[in-house]
């Protein structure tokens, strides 16, 4: 029944004819069931995106980074990053002019820096 309820043209009320054993719910509860089922995919996508942002916020950027020296970041991205000195990858990703490709380069840069420090330590 839940798969049927995901269809936009069907509602909890309309399914009564074929699902006699379903519990009787209050109007607000019916709406909540419909919303949860109809938007389940979107909700999961949003939750995944929130988790991704949390991870990006936890990746800290040193204030000492000279973005001019990082190859692969766009000219505008380097300028904005050097000017604003974001605290994390999450903050950097919200700067106008810093592209997703620039963020990808920064993530690679951080990983390489981490690997180099582990080899030295």
N, C-alpha and C. Protein backbone atom coordinates (compact mmCIF):
# COMPACT_ATOMS: atom_id res chain seq x y z
N UNK A 1 0.81 -1.19 0.00
CA UNK A 1 0.00 0.00 0.00
C UNK A 1 0.86 1.25 0.00
N UNK A 2 1.99 1.17 0.69
CA UNK A 2 2.84 2.37 0.75
C UNK A 2 3.36 2.75 -0.63
N UNK A 3 3.63 1.76 -1.48
CA UNK A 3 4.08 2.06 -2.85
C UNK A 3 2.97 2.75 -3.64
N UNK A 4 1.75 2.31 -3.45
CA UNK A 4 0.62 2.96 -4.12
C UNK A 4 0.43 4.39 -3.64
N UNK A 5 0.62 4.60 -2.36
CA UNK A 5 0.41 5.92 -1.78
C UNK A 5 1.45 6.93 -2.26
N UNK A 6 2.57 6.45 -2.77
CA UNK A 6 3.59 7.35 -3.31
C UNK A 6 3.13 8.02 -4.60
N UNK A 7 2.16 7.44 -5.25
CA UNK A 7 1.65 8.01 -6.50
C UNK A 7 0.89 9.30 -6.21
N UNK A 8 1.14 10.32 -7.01
CA UNK A 8 0.55 11.63 -6.75
C UNK A 8 -0.98 11.64 -6.84
N UNK A 9 -1.55 10.79 -7.67
CA UNK A 9 -3.00 10.81 -7.85
C UNK A 9 -3.77 10.05 -6.76
N UNK A 10 -3.03 9.35 -5.89
CA UNK A 10 -3.68 8.57 -4.82
C UNK A 10 -3.48 9.24 -3.47
N UNK A 11 -4.42 8.97 -2.57
CA UNK A 11 -4.33 9.50 -1.21
C UNK A 11 -4.72 8.39 -0.24
N UNK A 12 -4.49 8.66 1.03
CA UNK A 12 -4.86 7.71 2.08
C UNK A 12 -6.36 7.41 2.01
N UNK A 13 -7.15 8.44 1.78
CA UNK A 13 -8.62 8.28 1.66
C UNK A 13 -8.99 7.39 0.48
N UNK A 14 -8.38 7.61 -0.66
CA UNK A 14 -8.73 6.87 -1.87
C UNK A 14 -8.38 5.39 -1.78
N UNK A 15 -7.39 5.06 -0.95
CA UNK A 15 -6.97 3.66 -0.82
C UNK A 15 -7.86 2.86 0.13
N UNK A 16 -8.81 3.51 0.75
CA UNK A 16 -9.70 2.83 1.70
C UNK A 16 -10.44 1.67 1.04
N UNK A 17 -10.82 1.85 -0.21
CA UNK A 17 -11.61 0.83 -0.91
C UNK A 17 -10.85 -0.50 -1.06
N UNK A 18 -9.53 -0.43 -1.18
CA UNK A 18 -8.77 -1.68 -1.38
C UNK A 18 -8.00 -2.12 -0.14
N UNK A 19 -7.99 -1.30 0.90
CA UNK A 19 -7.27 -1.64 2.13
C UNK A 19 -8.21 -1.49 3.32
N UNK A 20 -9.03 -2.48 3.52
CA UNK A 20 -10.05 -2.46 4.58
C UNK A 20 -9.44 -2.57 5.99
N UNK A 21 -8.22 -3.11 6.10
CA UNK A 21 -7.60 -3.34 7.40
C UNK A 21 -6.75 -2.18 7.90
N UNK A 22 -6.69 -1.11 7.15
CA UNK A 22 -5.84 0.01 7.55
C UNK A 22 -6.42 0.70 8.78
N UNK A 23 -5.55 1.28 9.60
CA UNK A 23 -6.06 1.97 10.79
C UNK A 23 -6.74 3.29 10.41
N UNK A 24 -7.71 3.67 11.19
CA UNK A 24 -8.38 4.95 10.97
C UNK A 24 -7.54 6.04 11.65
N UNK A 25 -7.18 7.02 10.89
CA UNK A 25 -6.32 8.09 11.41
C UNK A 25 -7.04 9.43 11.37
N UNK A 26 -6.53 10.35 12.18
CA UNK A 26 -7.03 11.71 12.15
C UNK A 26 -6.53 12.37 10.86
N UNK A 27 -7.17 13.44 10.45
CA UNK A 27 -6.81 14.13 9.20
C UNK A 27 -5.33 14.50 9.17
N UNK A 28 -4.82 15.06 10.24
CA UNK A 28 -3.41 15.47 10.29
C UNK A 28 -2.47 14.26 10.18
N UNK A 29 -2.84 13.16 10.80
CA UNK A 29 -2.03 11.94 10.73
C UNK A 29 -2.01 11.39 9.31
N UNK A 30 -3.15 11.43 8.63
CA UNK A 30 -3.22 10.98 7.23
C UNK A 30 -2.29 11.81 6.36
N UNK A 31 -2.34 13.11 6.56
CA UNK A 31 -1.48 14.01 5.78
C UNK A 31 -0.01 13.71 6.05
N UNK A 32 0.33 13.46 7.29
CA UNK A 32 1.72 13.17 7.65
C UNK A 32 2.19 11.87 7.00
N UNK A 33 1.34 10.84 7.01
CA UNK A 33 1.68 9.57 6.36
C UNK A 33 1.93 9.79 4.87
N UNK A 34 1.04 10.53 4.23
CA UNK A 34 1.18 10.81 2.80
C UNK A 34 2.46 11.57 2.51
N UNK A 35 2.73 12.59 3.29
CA UNK A 35 3.93 13.40 3.06
C UNK A 35 5.18 12.55 3.23
N UNK A 36 5.24 11.77 4.30
CA UNK A 36 6.41 10.93 4.55
C UNK A 36 6.65 9.95 3.40
N UNK A 37 5.59 9.35 2.91
CA UNK A 37 5.75 8.36 1.83
C UNK A 37 6.02 9.01 0.48
N UNK A 38 5.28 10.07 0.15
CA UNK A 38 5.43 10.70 -1.16
C UNK A 38 6.78 11.39 -1.33
N UNK A 39 7.32 11.91 -0.23
CA UNK A 39 8.56 12.66 -0.32
C UNK A 39 9.76 11.94 0.29
N UNK A 40 9.60 10.64 0.52
CA UNK A 40 10.65 9.84 1.14
C UNK A 40 11.99 9.97 0.40
N UNK A 41 11.98 9.88 -0.90
CA UNK A 41 13.21 9.98 -1.69
C UNK A 41 13.88 11.34 -1.54
N UNK A 42 13.08 12.39 -1.60
CA UNK A 42 13.61 13.74 -1.45
C UNK A 42 14.18 13.96 -0.05
N UNK A 43 13.48 13.43 0.94
CA UNK A 43 13.93 13.57 2.32
C UNK A 43 15.28 12.87 2.51
N UNK A 44 15.42 11.69 1.94
CA UNK A 44 16.69 10.96 2.04
C UNK A 44 17.82 11.72 1.36
N UNK A 45 17.51 12.31 0.19
CA UNK A 45 18.52 13.10 -0.51
C UNK A 45 18.96 14.29 0.33
N UNK A 46 18.00 14.97 0.95
CA UNK A 46 18.31 16.12 1.78
C UNK A 46 19.15 15.70 2.98
N UNK A 47 18.80 14.57 3.59
CA UNK A 47 19.57 14.08 4.74
C UNK A 47 21.00 13.76 4.34
N UNK A 48 21.17 13.17 3.15
CA UNK A 48 22.52 12.86 2.66
C UNK A 48 23.31 14.15 2.42
N UNK A 49 22.62 15.15 1.89
CA UNK A 49 23.28 16.43 1.65
C UNK A 49 23.69 17.10 2.96
N UNK A 50 22.86 17.01 3.97
CA UNK A 50 23.19 17.57 5.28
C UNK A 50 24.43 16.88 5.84
N UNK A 51 24.49 15.56 5.72
CA UNK A 51 25.66 14.81 6.20
C UNK A 51 26.92 15.23 5.46
N UNK A 52 26.78 15.43 4.15
CA UNK A 52 27.93 15.87 3.34
C UNK A 52 28.41 17.24 3.83
N UNK A 53 27.48 18.17 4.09
CA UNK A 53 27.86 19.49 4.57
C UNK A 53 28.52 19.41 5.93
N UNK A 54 28.04 18.52 6.80
CA UNK A 54 28.65 18.36 8.11
C UNK A 54 30.10 17.92 7.97
N UNK A 55 30.35 16.99 7.05
CA UNK A 55 31.71 16.52 6.83
C UNK A 55 32.59 17.65 6.31
N UNK A 56 32.05 18.46 5.40
CA UNK A 56 32.83 19.57 4.85
C UNK A 56 33.14 20.61 5.93
N UNK A 57 32.20 20.82 6.84
CA UNK A 57 32.42 21.78 7.93
C UNK A 57 33.52 21.30 8.87
N UNK A 58 33.70 19.98 8.96
CA UNK A 58 34.71 19.45 9.88
C UNK A 58 36.11 19.46 9.28
N UNK A 59 36.22 19.72 7.99
CA UNK A 59 37.54 19.78 7.34
C UNK A 59 38.07 21.21 7.46
N UNK A 60 38.97 21.38 8.40
CA UNK A 60 39.48 22.71 8.76
C UNK A 60 40.59 23.13 7.81
N UNK A 61 40.58 24.42 7.47
CA UNK A 61 41.61 25.01 6.61
C UNK A 61 42.50 25.92 7.47
N UNK A 62 43.79 25.76 7.33
CA UNK A 62 44.73 26.60 8.06
C UNK A 62 44.68 28.02 7.50
N UNK A 63 44.82 29.00 8.38
CA UNK A 63 44.86 30.39 7.92
C UNK A 63 46.15 30.69 7.17
N UNK A 64 47.13 29.80 7.28
CA UNK A 64 48.44 30.01 6.65
C UNK A 64 48.47 29.56 5.19
N UNK A 65 47.42 28.94 4.71
CA UNK A 65 47.41 28.44 3.34
C UNK A 65 47.49 29.61 2.37
N UNK A 66 48.44 29.50 1.43
CA UNK A 66 48.53 30.48 0.34
C UNK A 66 47.87 29.84 -0.88
N UNK A 67 46.65 30.24 -1.14
CA UNK A 67 45.86 29.63 -2.20
C UNK A 67 46.44 29.91 -3.59
N UNK A 68 47.28 30.95 -3.70
CA UNK A 68 47.93 31.26 -4.98
C UNK A 68 48.86 30.12 -5.41
N UNK A 69 49.35 29.37 -4.45
CA UNK A 69 50.31 28.29 -4.74
C UNK A 69 49.64 26.96 -5.05
N UNK A 70 48.31 26.89 -4.91
CA UNK A 70 47.62 25.63 -5.16
C UNK A 70 47.18 25.60 -6.61
N UNK A 71 47.80 24.71 -7.38
CA UNK A 71 47.49 24.60 -8.81
C UNK A 71 46.12 23.95 -8.98
N UNK A 72 45.37 24.46 -9.92
CA UNK A 72 44.07 23.87 -10.24
C UNK A 72 42.89 24.69 -9.74
N UNK A 73 43.14 25.63 -8.84
CA UNK A 73 42.06 26.50 -8.37
C UNK A 73 41.95 27.67 -9.33
N UNK A 74 40.74 28.03 -9.69
CA UNK A 74 40.52 29.13 -10.63
C UNK A 74 41.09 30.43 -10.06
N UNK A 75 41.37 31.39 -10.94
CA UNK A 75 41.91 32.68 -10.53
C UNK A 75 40.98 33.36 -9.53
N UNK A 76 39.69 33.41 -9.86
CA UNK A 76 38.73 34.04 -8.95
C UNK A 76 38.67 33.29 -7.62
N UNK A 77 38.69 31.97 -7.68
CA UNK A 77 38.67 31.16 -6.46
C UNK A 77 39.86 31.45 -5.57
N UNK A 78 41.05 31.51 -6.16
CA UNK A 78 42.27 31.81 -5.39
C UNK A 78 42.17 33.19 -4.73
N UNK A 79 41.70 34.17 -5.50
CA UNK A 79 41.60 35.52 -4.97
C UNK A 79 40.62 35.58 -3.78
N UNK A 80 39.46 34.97 -3.96
CA UNK A 80 38.45 35.00 -2.90
C UNK A 80 38.91 34.24 -1.66
N UNK A 81 39.52 33.09 -1.86
CA UNK A 81 39.99 32.29 -0.73
C UNK A 81 41.09 33.01 0.04
N UNK A 82 42.03 33.64 -0.68
CA UNK A 82 43.09 34.39 0.00
C UNK A 82 42.53 35.61 0.73
N UNK A 83 41.54 36.24 0.15
CA UNK A 83 40.94 37.43 0.76
C UNK A 83 40.13 37.07 2.01
N UNK A 84 39.31 36.01 1.91
CA UNK A 84 38.38 35.70 3.00
C UNK A 84 38.91 34.70 4.02
N UNK A 85 39.91 33.91 3.65
CA UNK A 85 40.51 32.92 4.54
C UNK A 85 39.45 32.11 5.30
N UNK A 86 38.69 31.27 4.59
CA UNK A 86 37.64 30.49 5.26
C UNK A 86 38.24 29.53 6.29
N UNK A 87 37.44 29.26 7.31
CA UNK A 87 37.87 28.38 8.41
C UNK A 87 37.77 26.90 8.03
N UNK A 88 36.82 26.58 7.14
CA UNK A 88 36.60 25.17 6.77
C UNK A 88 36.27 25.05 5.29
N UNK A 89 36.30 23.83 4.80
CA UNK A 89 35.90 23.56 3.42
C UNK A 89 34.43 23.96 3.23
N UNK A 90 33.61 23.73 4.24
CA UNK A 90 32.20 24.11 4.16
C UNK A 90 32.04 25.59 3.92
N UNK A 91 32.79 26.41 4.67
CA UNK A 91 32.73 27.85 4.47
C UNK A 91 33.23 28.22 3.08
N UNK A 92 34.31 27.60 2.66
CA UNK A 92 34.87 27.89 1.34
C UNK A 92 33.86 27.57 0.24
N UNK A 93 33.09 26.51 0.43
CA UNK A 93 32.13 26.10 -0.60
C UNK A 93 30.98 27.08 -0.74
N UNK A 94 30.78 27.93 0.26
CA UNK A 94 29.69 28.91 0.21
C UNK A 94 30.15 30.28 -0.30
N UNK A 95 31.41 30.41 -0.64
CA UNK A 95 31.93 31.69 -1.14
C UNK A 95 31.58 31.81 -2.61
N UNK A 96 30.95 32.92 -2.96
CA UNK A 96 30.63 33.19 -4.36
C UNK A 96 31.93 33.31 -5.13
N UNK A 97 32.01 32.60 -6.24
CA UNK A 97 33.23 32.63 -7.05
C UNK A 97 34.13 31.43 -6.82
N UNK A 98 33.87 30.66 -5.78
CA UNK A 98 34.62 29.43 -5.53
C UNK A 98 33.76 28.29 -6.05
N UNK A 99 34.25 27.62 -7.08
CA UNK A 99 33.46 26.59 -7.76
C UNK A 99 33.58 25.23 -7.08
N UNK A 100 32.66 24.32 -7.41
CA UNK A 100 32.79 22.95 -6.90
C UNK A 100 34.12 22.31 -7.31
N UNK A 101 34.62 22.67 -8.49
CA UNK A 101 35.91 22.14 -8.93
C UNK A 101 37.03 22.67 -8.03
N UNK A 102 36.94 23.93 -7.62
CA UNK A 102 37.93 24.50 -6.69
C UNK A 102 37.90 23.76 -5.36
N UNK A 103 36.71 23.43 -4.89
CA UNK A 103 36.56 22.69 -3.63
C UNK A 103 37.18 21.30 -3.77
N UNK A 104 36.98 20.67 -4.90
CA UNK A 104 37.57 19.34 -5.14
C UNK A 104 39.10 19.43 -5.08
N UNK A 105 39.66 20.46 -5.69
CA UNK A 105 41.12 20.66 -5.65
C UNK A 105 41.58 20.88 -4.21
N UNK A 106 40.83 21.67 -3.46
CA UNK A 106 41.18 21.89 -2.05
C UNK A 106 41.16 20.60 -1.24
N UNK A 107 40.17 19.76 -1.49
CA UNK A 107 40.09 18.48 -0.78
C UNK A 107 41.30 17.60 -1.10
N UNK A 108 41.70 17.59 -2.36
CA UNK A 108 42.90 16.82 -2.76
C UNK A 108 44.13 17.42 -2.08
N UNK A 109 44.22 18.74 -2.08
CA UNK A 109 45.34 19.43 -1.43
C UNK A 109 45.43 19.05 0.05
N UNK A 110 44.29 19.08 0.75
CA UNK A 110 44.28 18.72 2.17
C UNK A 110 44.72 17.28 2.40
N UNK A 111 44.23 16.38 1.54
CA UNK A 111 44.60 14.97 1.67
C UNK A 111 46.10 14.78 1.44
N UNK A 112 46.64 15.45 0.43
CA UNK A 112 48.08 15.36 0.16
C UNK A 112 48.89 15.93 1.32
N UNK A 113 48.44 17.05 1.87
CA UNK A 113 49.14 17.65 3.02
C UNK A 113 49.10 16.71 4.21
N UNK A 114 47.97 16.06 4.43
CA UNK A 114 47.83 15.10 5.53
C UNK A 114 48.77 13.92 5.32
N UNK A 115 48.81 13.39 4.09
CA UNK A 115 49.70 12.25 3.79
C UNK A 115 51.16 12.63 3.98
N UNK A 116 51.53 13.84 3.55
CA UNK A 116 52.92 14.29 3.71
C UNK A 116 53.29 14.44 5.17
N UNK A 117 52.39 14.97 5.99
CA UNK A 117 52.69 15.15 7.42
C UNK A 117 52.79 13.80 8.12
N UNK A 118 52.00 12.82 7.67
CA UNK A 118 52.07 11.47 8.28
C UNK A 118 53.38 10.79 7.94
N UNK A 119 53.87 11.02 6.70
CA UNK A 119 55.16 10.42 6.30
C UNK A 119 56.33 11.03 7.08
N UNK A 120 56.22 12.35 7.33
CA UNK A 120 57.28 13.05 8.05
C UNK A 120 57.27 12.73 9.54
N UNK A 121 56.04 12.49 10.09
CA UNK A 121 55.88 12.27 11.53
C UNK A 121 56.06 10.87 11.88
